[in-house]
Protein backbone atom coordinates (compact mmCIF):
# COMPACT_ATOMS: atom_id res chain seq x y z
CA UNK A 1 89.32 101.47 100.38
CA UNK A 2 89.18 97.84 99.23
CA UNK A 3 85.84 98.21 97.81
CA UNK A 4 87.05 101.09 95.56
CA UNK A 5 90.16 98.89 94.78
CA UNK A 6 87.78 95.61 93.98
CA UNK A 7 85.83 97.98 91.69
CA UNK A 8 88.32 99.26 89.60
CA UNK A 9 90.02 95.91 89.12
CA UNK A 10 86.63 94.46 88.15
CA UNK A 11 85.98 97.28 85.95
CA UNK A 12 89.68 96.37 84.35
CA UNK A 13 88.95 92.94 84.24
CA UNK A 14 85.49 93.34 82.18
CA UNK A 15 87.04 95.40 79.73
CA UNK A 16 90.17 93.32 79.05
CA UNK A 17 87.80 90.60 77.67
CA UNK A 18 86.02 93.33 75.06
CA UNK A 19 86.45 94.43 71.68
CA UNK A 20 89.09 97.41 71.56
CA UNK A 21 86.70 99.10 69.07
CA UNK A 22 83.91 98.98 71.27
CA UNK A 23 85.63 100.72 74.53
CA UNK A 24 87.05 103.14 71.91
CA UNK A 25 83.96 103.92 70.84
CA UNK A 26 82.32 104.41 74.13
CA UNK A 27 85.26 106.65 75.22
CA UNK A 28 84.72 108.57 71.95
CA UNK A 29 80.97 108.90 72.46
CA UNK A 30 81.60 110.00 76.10
CA UNK A 31 84.01 112.93 74.78
CA UNK A 32 81.54 113.75 71.98
CA UNK A 33 78.90 113.79 74.35
CA UNK A 34 80.81 116.09 76.73
CA UNK A 35 81.98 118.62 74.13
CA UNK A 36 78.40 119.08 73.05
CA UNK A 37 76.89 119.50 76.30
CA UNK A 38 79.93 121.89 77.67
CA UNK A 39 81.99 122.93 74.82
CA UNK A 40 85.48 122.62 74.10
CA UNK A 41 86.90 124.98 76.96
CA UNK A 42 85.17 123.37 79.67
CA UNK A 43 85.45 119.75 78.61
CA UNK A 44 89.22 120.59 78.26
CA UNK A 45 89.24 121.92 81.73
CA UNK A 46 87.50 118.89 83.31
CA UNK A 47 89.71 116.50 81.51
CA UNK A 48 92.70 118.43 82.86
CA UNK A 49 91.31 118.42 86.59
CA UNK A 50 90.75 114.72 86.24
CA UNK A 51 94.50 114.31 84.98
CA UNK A 52 95.58 116.30 87.99
CA UNK A 53 93.09 114.64 90.61
CA UNK A 54 94.41 111.53 89.30
CA UNK A 55 98.36 112.50 89.47
CA UNK A 56 97.66 113.84 93.13
CA UNK A 57 96.16 110.75 93.93
CA UNK A 58 98.50 108.73 92.77
CA UNK A 59 101.34 110.77 94.14
CA UNK A 60 100.13 111.84 97.71
CA UNK A 61 97.24 109.87 98.71
CA UNK A 62 98.89 106.44 98.13
CA UNK A 63 101.66 107.72 100.46
CA UNK A 64 100.63 109.08 103.74
CA UNK A 65 104.27 110.69 104.81
CA UNK A 66 104.41 112.28 101.43
CA UNK A 67 100.66 113.71 101.95
CA UNK A 68 102.08 114.71 105.02
CA UNK A 69 104.73 116.97 103.61
CA UNK A 70 102.82 118.14 101.29
CA UNK A 71 100.33 119.46 104.02
CA UNK A 72 103.72 120.83 105.76
CA UNK A 73 104.52 123.05 102.76
CA UNK A 74 100.80 124.44 102.40
CA UNK A 75 99.82 124.65 106.11
CA UNK A 76 101.94 125.94 109.24
CA UNK A 77 103.79 122.57 110.45
CA UNK A 78 101.63 120.30 112.61
CA UNK A 79 98.55 122.20 111.80
CA UNK A 80 96.84 119.36 110.66
CA UNK A 81 98.04 116.53 112.99
């Protein structure tokens, strides 16, 4: 887990020193490429699922108790333990 965190910290640190225009250009290129390859609806679906995954990861996977409460709501209580 610390390797993933270190990777993101390194990535953010390397982006801080970059020209904001080049970062925006890279993001725009990635979005345009995604639109050409997948189309508008599939690209919006990918963006939506990415944002949902980010929200769930921040909300539930960073706090084990919140994740257990979520599983208790979905599954019968105690089934996953």
